C-alpha cells in the first residue's frame, strides 16, 4: 500500500531537514530570469490580465525551482522585478500588488490561500516551495491601506512597497522585506518609514535579505552583517552594469569578500538595459557566477557553501585596510597627474608609463599606492592609477574612497575611466593599497571579457590587494572600492 501524499511529503521534508542538520554546508541556487514584460501603459490593466502576465513568469521560475531542487538545492533566490517587470507608474502597477502579511502570522498560503484575501501569487510561490521542499525567495509588490490620520499617507490612500518574500520548504512565509533605498526610477513605490533588518533562521544558517540598491547603504546592508551577524545574505536585484567598478559579478563578489559573508545574487536578464550578472559568492571568492550579454536566456546557478562561514578555516581574517598605506613613504612625486571622469566622479589619475614600477596618486585624504610588473608593456594600451575621495551625487548620495588600477578605453588619456570590457595586457604582479578612512572596503579584480579572478589574488591583513600567482588573463581593473558610510 502506498503512503498518502501528506505522509509522503512529511517524510521527504524530515529527511531533507535531517540531512541539512547533519551537514556544515548547504546547496544554494540563484536564477537569472529573462523577465516577460507587460506592454507599457500608464493605465492599469485588469487584475486578471496582470495575473496572467505574472503566471507566465512564474511558469519559468517554477521550472528553475524544480531543477534546483532536483540538484539538491536547499534555497533558491529569484530576481527583483522577476514576476512582473518594471517601467510602471504608481497607478499601473497596482493590479500586480498583493497584501503581504507580517510572517509572524504563521501562514502557509499553499494550504490556506484565502486567509488574507485573494493572494494567488503568494499561494503559487508557497506551493512551489512546499512541493519541491526548498526555500523560495521572490520579489513581488505589497500594498497597505492608510488613512488621513497618517500624515505620510499618499493621496491614493495606500502604501506600495517593493517587497521580497521568503517561503520555507513547507511553504510557510518566513520573511518579508520592504526595500528601503529605492532607485531613482522607482516612483511607483514608497520607502518604509524605517529601514528593516530582516533575518530568519534555517537548519543551514542565519539569513538576511535586502534588495538591489540597498547594497550601497549602511541600512540595511551593513546592519545585517555587522550587527545581526547573518551567515548568508539573499539579494534579489535588477542590476544595470556600470563599468569599471559596478559590474554585477565584480561588485557583488567583492562585497561578499569585504563583508566576509555568503552572498546569493539573482539578477534579471535584459541585455538592452545591460542587466545580467548573477552569482553565488563566499567570503573567500566566487563559487559560481554568470555574465551573459550575448543571449536572452535565463540561467540557473547551483553551488555548495559553508552554512556558518565564520567557523570555516577559510574564513578571511579582519583586515586593517589602511595599515600598510599609512606606513609606507609615497612611492613617487607625479608631475603629470590629471583629472578623469568615472561615472560622473572626478578621479585623479597618473599613467603607468613603464612596464614595472611603483606609483602613488592622492586625492584629499586618500593616497593610493601601486607596485606592479607587466608581462609586456604594449603601445596600444594605456593603464592608469586613480584615486577618488568624495561624495558621489548622481543616482544617490554616498561617500566613496576608491583606489584603482584600470585600462583606458584608448591611448587617449581623455578616455581613461570610460567603460572597457576587453584588454590584452597581462600583469605578472601587482600590489594595491590606500590610506582609507573606512573599514568597509571591497576588493575587485576584473579580467578581460568581464571575468572574475578567483584564487589569483588575495588581501593581506595590512590592506594590500596582491597577486597570489602570475595572472592568467589580461586585466581590465584592479580596485579597492571603499564606502565611508559615516560621512554620507
Protein backbone atom coordinates (compact mmCIF):
# COMPACT_ATOMS: atom_id res chain seq x y z
CA UNK A 1 0.00 0.00 0.00
CA UNK A 2 1.41 3.37 -0.98
CA UNK A 3 1.67 6.12 1.70
CA UNK A 4 -0.72 9.07 1.45
CA UNK A 5 0.62 12.28 -0.11
CA UNK A 6 0.70 14.21 3.24
CA UNK A 7 2.65 11.39 4.90
CA UNK A 8 4.99 11.10 1.93
CA UNK A 9 5.57 14.88 1.92
CA UNK A 10 6.24 14.88 5.67
CA UNK A 11 8.70 12.04 5.29
CA UNK A 12 10.60 13.77 2.48
CA UNK A 13 10.73 17.02 4.44
CA UNK A 14 12.00 15.25 7.56
CA UNK A 15 14.74 13.56 5.53
CA UNK A 16 15.82 16.85 3.96
CA UNK A 17 15.80 18.52 7.38
CA UNK A 18 17.94 15.79 8.93
CA UNK A 19 20.40 15.98 6.05
CA UNK A 20 20.73 19.75 6.49
CA UNK A 21 21.18 19.41 10.27
CA UNK A 22 23.89 16.79 9.76
CA UNK A 23 25.95 18.98 7.44
CA UNK A 24 28.03 22.11 7.87
CA UNK A 25 27.32 23.05 4.26
CA UNK A 26 24.27 23.66 2.13
CA UNK A 27 23.42 23.86 -1.56
CA UNK A 28 22.41 27.31 -2.80
CA UNK A 29 20.82 28.27 -6.12
CA UNK A 30 20.14 31.55 -7.91
CA UNK A 31 18.22 32.03 -11.12
CA UNK A 32 18.86 34.86 -13.58
CA UNK A 33 15.50 35.38 -15.24
CA UNK A 34 14.75 36.91 -18.64
CA UNK A 35 11.55 38.58 -17.45
CA UNK A 36 8.46 38.57 -19.66
CA UNK A 37 7.42 42.22 -19.58
CA UNK A 38 3.93 43.73 -19.79
CA UNK A 39 3.03 46.15 -22.54
CA UNK A 40 3.89 49.72 -21.45
CA UNK A 41 0.82 51.59 -20.27
CA UNK A 42 0.00 54.38 -17.88
CA UNK A 43 -3.47 53.00 -17.29
CA UNK A 44 -3.95 49.99 -15.02
CA UNK A 45 -4.74 46.68 -16.71
CA UNK A 46 -7.33 44.35 -15.18
CA UNK A 47 -6.34 42.15 -12.27
CA UNK A 48 -6.88 39.09 -14.48
CA UNK A 49 -4.52 40.45 -17.15
CA UNK A 50 -1.92 41.28 -14.51
CA UNK A 51 -2.19 37.78 -13.04
CA UNK A 52 -1.88 36.21 -16.48
CA UNK A 53 1.41 38.04 -17.06
CA UNK A 54 2.71 37.09 -13.61
CA UNK A 55 1.78 33.45 -14.17
CA UNK A 56 3.84 33.40 -17.37
CA UNK A 57 6.88 34.50 -15.39
CA UNK A 58 6.09 32.13 -12.55
CA UNK A 59 5.87 29.25 -15.05
CA UNK A 60 9.52 29.92 -15.91
CA UNK A 61 10.52 30.37 -12.28
CA UNK A 62 8.77 27.16 -11.31
CA UNK A 63 10.83 25.24 -13.85
CA UNK A 64 14.03 26.70 -12.41
CA UNK A 65 12.91 25.91 -8.86
CA UNK A 66 12.16 22.29 -9.76
CA UNK A 67 15.54 21.92 -11.45
CA UNK A 68 17.36 23.47 -8.48
CA UNK A 69 15.56 21.11 -6.08
CA UNK A 70 16.50 18.14 -8.25
CA UNK A 71 20.13 19.25 -7.94
CA UNK A 72 19.82 19.20 -4.15
CA UNK A 73 19.45 22.92 -3.52
CA UNK A 74 18.10 23.94 -0.12
CA UNK A 75 17.28 27.52 -1.16
CA UNK A 76 16.84 29.44 -4.41
CA UNK A 77 16.87 33.20 -4.99
CA UNK A 78 14.99 34.75 -7.91
CA UNK A 79 15.42 38.33 -9.18
CA UNK A 80 13.97 41.70 -8.31
CA UNK A 81 11.08 42.51 -10.69
CA UNK A 82 11.19 38.86 -11.75
CA UNK A 83 7.43 38.32 -11.67
CA UNK A 84 6.04 41.47 -13.34
CA UNK A 85 8.92 43.54 -14.71
CA UNK A 86 9.37 47.31 -14.43
CA UNK A 87 8.56 50.69 -16.03
CA UNK A 88 5.32 51.18 -14.15
CA UNK A 89 3.58 54.26 -12.89
CA UNK A 90 2.17 54.24 -9.38
CA UNK A 91 -1.29 53.59 -10.84
CA UNK A 92 -0.35 50.99 -13.45
CA UNK A 93 1.46 48.70 -11.01
CA UNK A 94 -1.50 48.48 -8.63
CA UNK A 95 -3.18 45.41 -10.23
CA UNK A 96 0.06 43.46 -9.70
CA UNK A 97 0.19 44.05 -5.94
CA UNK A 98 -0.98 41.83 -3.10
CA UNK A 99 -1.39 42.39 0.62
CA UNK A 100 1.56 40.56 2.20
CA UNK A 101 1.13 39.94 5.94
CA UNK A 102 3.84 40.00 8.58
CA UNK A 103 5.34 36.48 8.79
CA UNK A 104 4.51 36.43 12.49
CA UNK A 105 1.01 35.23 11.45
CA UNK A 106 2.43 31.72 10.81
CA UNK A 107 0.85 31.25 7.38
CA UNK A 108 1.21 28.69 4.60
CA UNK A 109 -0.59 30.23 1.59
CA UNK A 110 -0.46 26.94 -0.31
CA UNK A 111 -2.79 25.27 2.21
CA UNK A 112 -4.76 28.34 3.34
CA UNK A 113 -4.85 30.66 0.31
CA UNK A 114 -7.79 32.89 1.29
CA UNK A 115 -6.82 33.63 4.90
CA UNK A 116 -5.78 37.19 3.98
CA UNK A 117 -8.00 37.67 0.95
CA UNK A 118 -7.12 36.76 -2.63
CA UNK A 119 -3.35 36.11 -2.76
CA UNK A 120 -2.78 33.94 -5.86
CA UNK A 121 0.87 34.96 -6.31
CA UNK A 122 1.79 34.15 -2.74
CA UNK A 123 -0.20 30.93 -2.96
CA UNK A 124 1.68 29.79 -6.03
CA UNK A 125 5.11 30.71 -4.64
CA UNK A 126 4.27 28.91 -1.41
CA UNK A 127 3.26 25.80 -3.33
CA UNK A 128 6.46 25.90 -5.39
CA UNK A 129 8.43 25.83 -2.14
CA UNK A 130 6.25 23.19 -0.49
CA UNK A 131 6.02 20.86 -3.48
CA UNK A 132 9.77 20.92 -4.04
CA UNK A 133 10.89 21.03 -0.36
CA UNK A 134 13.05 24.10 -0.97
CA UNK A 135 13.20 27.65 0.38
CA UNK A 136 11.99 30.07 -2.32
CA UNK A 137 12.97 33.76 -2.40
CA UNK A 138 10.98 36.04 -4.71
CA UNK A 139 10.33 39.73 -5.29
CA UNK A 140 6.72 40.97 -5.53
CA UNK A 141 4.72 44.08 -4.64
CA UNK A 142 2.99 44.74 -1.31
CA UNK A 143 0.06 47.13 -0.76
CA UNK A 144 -1.03 48.57 2.58
CA UNK A 145 -4.04 50.82 3.18
CA UNK A 146 -3.55 54.02 5.16
CA UNK A 147 -5.78 56.97 6.08
CA UNK A 148 -5.72 60.69 6.73
CA UNK A 149 -4.69 60.20 10.36
CA UNK A 150 -1.30 59.17 8.98
CA UNK A 151 0.43 62.39 7.85
CA UNK A 152 2.60 60.42 5.42
CA UNK A 153 -0.29 58.53 3.80
CA UNK A 154 -0.17 59.03 -0.02
CA UNK A 155 -3.11 60.77 -1.63
CA UNK A 156 -4.43 57.49 -3.07
CA UNK A 157 -4.75 56.06 0.45
CA UNK A 158 -2.20 53.27 0.24
CA UNK A 159 1.48 52.47 0.58
CA UNK A 160 3.10 50.40 -2.16
CA UNK A 161 6.34 48.56 -1.44
CA UNK A 162 8.97 46.77 -3.48
CA UNK A 163 8.97 43.56 -1.44
CA UNK A 164 11.00 40.37 -1.04
CA UNK A 165 9.29 37.30 0.36
CA UNK A 166 10.76 34.01 1.57
CA UNK A 167 8.83 30.75 1.85
CA UNK A 168 10.41 27.82 3.68
CA UNK A 169 10.42 24.22 2.46
CA UNK A 170 6.92 23.67 3.91
CA UNK A 171 5.63 26.73 2.06
CA UNK A 172 5.36 28.94 5.14
CA UNK A 173 6.01 32.67 4.80
CA UNK A 174 9.11 33.21 6.95
CA UNK A 175 10.37 36.63 5.80
CA UNK A 176 9.05 39.83 4.25
CA UNK A 177 11.34 42.74 3.40
CA UNK A 178 10.29 46.17 2.11
CA UNK A 179 13.04 47.79 0.04
CA UNK A 180 14.27 50.92 1.81
CA UNK A 181 16.71 52.54 -0.64
CA UNK A 182 14.68 52.94 -3.81
CA UNK A 183 16.45 53.63 -7.10
CA UNK A 184 15.56 56.96 -8.67
CA UNK A 185 13.14 55.48 -11.25
CA UNK A 186 11.08 53.54 -8.68
CA UNK A 187 8.42 56.22 -8.30
CA UNK A 188 5.70 53.54 -8.21
CA UNK A 189 6.84 52.51 -4.72
CA UNK A 190 7.12 54.01 -1.24
CA UNK A 191 10.02 53.56 1.15
CA UNK A 192 9.07 52.19 4.57
CA UNK A 193 9.21 54.78 7.34
CA UNK A 194 12.15 52.98 8.94
CA UNK A 195 14.72 50.62 7.42
CA UNK A 196 14.04 46.96 8.13
CA UNK A 197 16.71 44.48 9.24
CA UNK A 198 15.08 41.18 8.27
CA UNK A 199 16.63 37.87 9.30
CA UNK A 200 15.41 34.30 9.64
CA UNK A 201 16.91 31.07 10.93
CA UNK A 202 17.19 27.84 8.95
CA UNK A 203 18.75 24.44 9.66
CA UNK A 204 21.63 25.64 7.45
CA UNK A 205 22.43 29.05 8.88
CA UNK A 206 21.10 32.50 9.65
CA UNK A 207 19.95 34.51 6.63
CA UNK A 208 19.37 38.19 5.94
CA UNK A 209 17.76 39.81 2.92
CA UNK A 210 17.73 43.15 1.08
CA UNK A 211 17.23 44.37 -2.49
CA UNK A 212 19.47 45.80 -5.23
CA UNK A 213 20.28 49.49 -4.46
CA UNK A 214 20.21 48.73 -0.72
CA UNK A 215 23.68 47.22 -1.06
CA UNK A 216 25.31 50.65 -1.27
CA UNK A 217 23.96 51.88 2.07
CA UNK A 218 24.62 51.21 5.74
CA UNK A 219 21.00 50.35 6.45
CA UNK A 220 20.06 47.60 5.97
CA UNK A 221 23.09 46.06 4.29
CA UNK A 222 25.85 46.62 6.84
CA UNK A 223 23.49 46.28 9.81
CA UNK A 224 22.56 42.74 8.78
CA UNK A 225 26.17 41.61 8.59
CA UNK A 226 27.89 43.64 11.31
CA UNK A 227 25.13 43.78 13.95
CA UNK A 228 22.78 40.91 13.13
CA UNK A 229 25.68 38.54 12.30
CA UNK A 230 23.95 36.72 9.44
CA UNK A 231 25.79 33.89 7.71
CA UNK A 232 24.29 34.47 4.27
CA UNK A 233 22.68 37.45 2.51
CA UNK A 234 19.94 36.96 -0.09
CA UNK A 235 19.94 39.56 -2.86
CA UNK A 236 17.21 39.84 -5.49
CA UNK A 237 18.36 42.53 -7.91
CA UNK A 238 17.72 44.24 -11.24
CA UNK A 239 21.31 45.42 -11.72
CA UNK A 240 22.34 47.53 -14.70
CA UNK A 241 26.07 47.01 -15.16
CA UNK A 242 28.27 50.11 -14.99
CA UNK A 243 31.94 49.50 -15.80
CA UNK A 244 34.55 49.70 -14.44
CA UNK A 245 33.51 49.20 -10.77
CA UNK A 246 29.80 48.44 -10.66
CA UNK A 247 29.54 45.42 -12.90
CA UNK A 248 27.25 42.99 -11.09
CA UNK A 249 29.52 39.96 -10.73
CA UNK A 250 32.53 42.13 -9.90
CA UNK A 251 30.88 44.26 -7.22
CA UNK A 252 28.80 41.50 -5.65
CA UNK A 253 31.79 39.20 -5.37
CA UNK A 254 33.85 41.98 -3.81
CA UNK A 255 31.05 42.87 -1.39
CA UNK A 256 30.94 39.29 -0.13
CA UNK A 257 34.71 39.35 0.37
CA UNK A 258 34.76 42.77 2.01
CA UNK A 259 31.85 41.96 4.35
CA UNK A 260 33.07 38.37 4.89
CA UNK A 261 29.67 36.78 4.29
CA UNK A 262 27.97 34.42 1.84
CA UNK A 263 26.05 36.33 -0.84
CA UNK A 264 23.40 34.94 -3.21
CA UNK A 265 22.75 37.44 -6.02
CA UNK A 266 19.98 36.79 -8.57
CA UNK A 267 19.77 39.35 -11.37
CA UNK A 268 17.18 39.99 -14.04
CA UNK A 269 18.37 39.41 -17.60
CA UNK A 270 17.83 42.14 -20.18
CA UNK A 271 20.83 42.86 -22.37
CA UNK A 272 19.35 46.04 -23.88
CA UNK A 273 19.48 47.53 -20.37
CA UNK A 274 22.86 45.92 -19.54
CA UNK A 275 21.12 43.70 -16.98
CA UNK A 276 22.99 40.46 -16.38
CA UNK A 277 25.35 39.00 -13.84
CA UNK A 278 24.33 36.60 -11.07
CA UNK A 279 26.38 34.53 -8.69
CA UNK A 280 26.91 32.56 -5.52
CA UNK A 281 29.73 34.15 -3.54
CA UNK A 282 31.62 33.18 -0.39
CA UNK A 283 33.90 35.32 1.81
CA UNK A 284 36.96 33.89 0.03
CA UNK A 285 35.64 34.36 -3.52
CA UNK A 286 33.06 33.32 -6.10
CA UNK A 287 31.74 29.76 -6.02
CA UNK A 288 29.96 30.21 -9.36
CA UNK A 289 28.77 33.15 -11.44
CA UNK A 290 27.38 34.02 -14.85
CA UNK A 291 27.67 37.17 -17.01
CA UNK A 292 25.98 36.91 -20.40
CA UNK A 293 25.41 39.85 -22.74
CA UNK A 294 25.17 37.63 -25.83
CA UNK A 295 21.84 35.83 -25.46
CA UNK A 296 18.45 36.47 -23.86
CA UNK A 297 18.31 33.17 -21.98
CA UNK A 298 17.76 32.70 -18.27
CA UNK A 299 20.38 30.81 -16.30
CA UNK A 300 20.38 28.63 -13.16
CA UNK A 301 23.44 28.54 -10.90
CA UNK A 302 23.94 25.99 -8.11
CA UNK A 303 26.85 25.72 -5.67
CA UNK A 304 27.78 24.50 -2.20
CA UNK A 305 28.52 26.96 0.61
CA UNK A 306 29.57 26.79 4.25
CA UNK A 307 26.44 27.11 6.39
CA UNK A 308 28.40 29.03 9.03
CA UNK A 309 31.31 30.68 7.18
CA UNK A 310 32.72 32.31 10.33
CA UNK A 311 33.51 28.81 11.62
CA UNK A 312 35.25 27.77 8.40
CA UNK A 313 39.08 27.50 8.27
CA UNK A 314 38.88 29.50 5.02
CA UNK A 315 37.15 32.46 6.72
CA UNK A 316 39.34 35.51 5.99
CA UNK A 317 40.83 37.46 8.92
CA UNK A 318 39.89 41.03 9.75
CA UNK A 319 41.74 43.48 7.51
CA UNK A 320 43.16 46.86 8.56
CA UNK A 321 42.61 48.49 5.21
CA UNK A 322 44.99 51.43 5.76
CA UNK A 323 47.75 49.79 7.82
CA UNK A 324 50.28 49.35 5.03
CA UNK A 325 49.46 52.51 3.09
CA UNK A 326 49.71 54.78 6.13
CA UNK A 327 53.16 53.46 6.97
CA UNK A 328 54.79 53.49 3.55
CA UNK A 329 56.50 56.52 2.06
CA UNK A 330 54.93 58.00 -1.04
CA UNK A 331 56.29 55.99 -3.96
CA UNK A 332 56.65 58.87 -6.41
CA UNK A 333 56.06 62.58 -6.86
CA UNK A 334 53.98 62.83 -10.01
CA UNK A 335 54.39 65.89 -12.21
CA UNK A 336 51.70 64.84 -14.64
CA UNK A 337 48.65 63.82 -12.62
CA UNK A 338 45.44 64.57 -14.48
CA UNK A 339 41.69 64.54 -13.88
CA UNK A 340 39.41 61.93 -15.43
CA UNK A 341 35.74 61.06 -15.03
CA UNK A 342 34.33 57.71 -13.91
CA UNK A 343 30.54 57.54 -13.65
CA UNK A 344 30.34 61.34 -13.15
CA UNK A 345 33.02 61.35 -10.42
CA UNK A 346 36.30 63.30 -10.82
CA UNK A 347 39.26 60.98 -10.24
CA UNK A 348 42.91 61.98 -10.00
CA UNK A 349 44.94 59.75 -12.35
CA UNK A 350 48.58 59.08 -13.11
CA UNK A 351 49.74 56.98 -16.06
CA UNK A 352 51.73 53.74 -15.84
CA UNK A 353 54.44 54.78 -18.32
CA UNK A 354 56.80 51.85 -17.67
CA UNK A 355 56.42 48.08 -17.71
CA UNK A 356 57.05 47.93 -13.96
CA UNK A 357 57.37 50.36 -11.11
CA UNK A 358 55.92 51.97 -8.01
CA UNK A 359 53.37 54.81 -8.13
CA UNK A 360 51.32 56.92 -5.74
CA UNK A 361 48.37 59.13 -6.55
CA UNK A 362 46.42 61.15 -3.99
CA UNK A 363 43.10 62.97 -3.71
CA UNK A 364 42.15 64.75 -0.48
CA UNK A 365 42.87 62.32 2.38
CA UNK A 366 43.26 59.25 0.19
CA UNK A 367 46.64 58.19 -1.20
CA UNK A 368 46.74 55.06 -3.37
CA UNK A 369 49.98 53.09 -3.68
CA UNK A 370 50.70 50.65 -6.52
CA UNK A 371 53.60 48.30 -7.18
CA UNK A 372 53.30 46.40 -10.46
CA UNK A 373 55.02 44.46 -13.21
CA UNK A 374 53.51 43.89 -16.64
CA UNK A 375 54.37 40.81 -18.66
CA UNK A 376 54.75 43.20 -21.59
CA UNK A 377 54.21 46.95 -22.00
CA UNK A 378 52.06 47.40 -25.07
CA UNK A 379 51.99 50.59 -27.14
CA UNK A 380 48.30 50.22 -27.94
CA UNK A 381 47.06 50.04 -24.33
CA UNK A 382 47.28 52.59 -21.53
CA UNK A 383 46.78 51.92 -17.81
CA UNK A 384 46.40 54.47 -15.03
CA UNK A 385 46.37 54.53 -11.25
CA UNK A 386 43.44 56.54 -9.91
CA UNK A 387 42.10 57.92 -6.62
CA UNK A 388 38.66 59.25 -5.68
CA UNK A 389 37.80 60.65 -2.24
CA UNK A 390 34.47 62.47 -2.29
CA UNK A 391 30.67 62.31 -2.23
CA UNK A 392 29.01 60.62 -5.20
CA UNK A 393 25.81 62.52 -6.03
CA UNK A 394 24.26 61.16 -9.23
CA UNK A 395 21.62 58.44 -8.66
CA UNK A 396 22.01 58.75 -4.88
CA UNK A 397 24.35 60.36 -2.37
CA UNK A 398 27.05 58.21 -0.82
CA UNK A 399 30.65 58.84 0.16
CA UNK A 400 33.33 56.86 -1.67
CA UNK A 401 37.06 56.27 -1.35
CA UNK A 402 38.41 54.36 -4.34
CA UNK A 403 41.88 53.24 -5.38
CA UNK A 404 42.01 51.73 -8.86
CA UNK A 405 44.37 50.40 -11.49
CA UNK A 406 42.46 50.41 -14.76
CA UNK A 407 42.79 50.20 -18.51
CA UNK A 408 41.82 53.28 -20.52
CA UNK A 409 39.44 52.90 -23.45
CA UNK A 410 42.14 54.04 -25.88
CA UNK A 411 45.61 55.56 -25.81
CA UNK A 412 43.96 58.98 -25.49
CA UNK A 413 44.13 59.85 -21.78
CA UNK A 414 40.79 61.62 -22.07
CA UNK A 415 39.17 58.15 -22.36
CA UNK A 416 40.51 56.95 -19.01
CA UNK A 417 37.55 55.94 -16.87
CA UNK A 418 35.21 55.18 -19.76
CA UNK A 419 33.69 51.67 -19.83
CA UNK A 420 36.07 48.97 -21.09
CA UNK A 421 35.37 45.23 -21.29
CA UNK A 422 38.44 43.85 -23.06
CA UNK A 423 42.22 44.11 -22.67
CA UNK A 424 45.42 42.41 -23.88
CA UNK A 425 47.90 43.31 -21.14
CA UNK A 426 48.77 40.69 -18.54
CA UNK A 427 50.33 41.61 -15.20
CA UNK A 428 52.90 39.38 -13.56
CA UNK A 429 52.25 41.05 -10.23
CA UNK A 430 50.50 43.95 -8.55
CA UNK A 431 50.09 45.30 -5.04
CA UNK A 432 47.43 47.98 -4.46
CA UNK A 433 46.72 49.76 -1.17
CA UNK A 434 45.25 53.01 0.13
CA UNK A 435 45.04 55.28 3.17
CA UNK A 436 41.36 54.54 3.73
CA UNK A 437 39.35 56.24 6.42
CA UNK A 438 36.76 53.45 6.34
CA UNK A 439 36.86 49.78 7.27
CA UNK A 440 34.33 48.96 4.55
CA UNK A 441 36.46 48.28 1.51
CA UNK A 442 35.60 45.83 -1.29
CA UNK A 443 38.43 44.25 -3.35
CA UNK A 444 37.78 43.84 -7.07
CA UNK A 445 39.81 42.23 -9.85
CA UNK A 446 38.17 42.14 -13.27
CA UNK A 447 39.69 40.33 -16.23
CA UNK A 448 39.12 40.91 -19.94
CA UNK A 449 35.67 39.84 -21.05
CA UNK A 450 34.12 40.67 -17.66
CA UNK A 451 35.60 37.62 -15.95
CA UNK A 452 36.46 37.26 -12.28
CA UNK A 453 39.82 36.05 -10.99
CA UNK A 454 39.02 33.52 -8.24
CA UNK A 455 42.10 32.22 -6.47
CA UNK A 456 44.54 34.54 -8.26
CA UNK A 457 44.62 37.42 -5.75
CA UNK A 458 44.33 37.91 -2.01
CA UNK A 459 44.02 40.67 0.56
CA UNK A 460 46.69 40.81 3.25
CA UNK A 461 45.90 41.77 6.83
CA UNK A 462 47.58 45.15 6.28
CA UNK A 463 45.19 46.11 3.47
CA UNK A 464 47.23 45.24 0.38
CA UNK A 465 45.41 43.66 -2.56
CA UNK A 466 48.09 41.47 -4.17
CA UNK A 467 48.55 38.75 -6.77
CA UNK A 468 48.85 35.20 -5.46
CA UNK A 469 50.05 33.82 -8.79
CA UNK A 470 51.02 35.09 -12.20
CA UNK A 471 47.72 36.27 -13.66
CA UNK A 472 46.24 34.06 -16.36
CA UNK A 473 44.21 36.70 -18.21
CA UNK A 474 44.56 40.37 -19.22
CA UNK A 475 43.43 42.88 -16.62
CA UNK A 476 40.64 45.45 -17.04
CA UNK A 477 40.73 46.79 -13.50
CA UNK A 478 42.10 46.13 -10.02
CA UNK A 479 40.18 48.16 -7.45
CA UNK A 480 39.73 48.79 -3.75
CA UNK A 481 36.21 50.25 -3.55
CA UNK A 482 35.64 51.93 -0.20
CA UNK A 483 32.31 53.09 1.28
CA UNK A 484 32.66 55.67 4.04
CA UNK A 485 29.13 55.40 5.44
CA UNK A 486 29.77 57.73 8.37
CA UNK A 487 30.41 60.69 6.03
CA UNK A 488 27.25 60.35 3.90
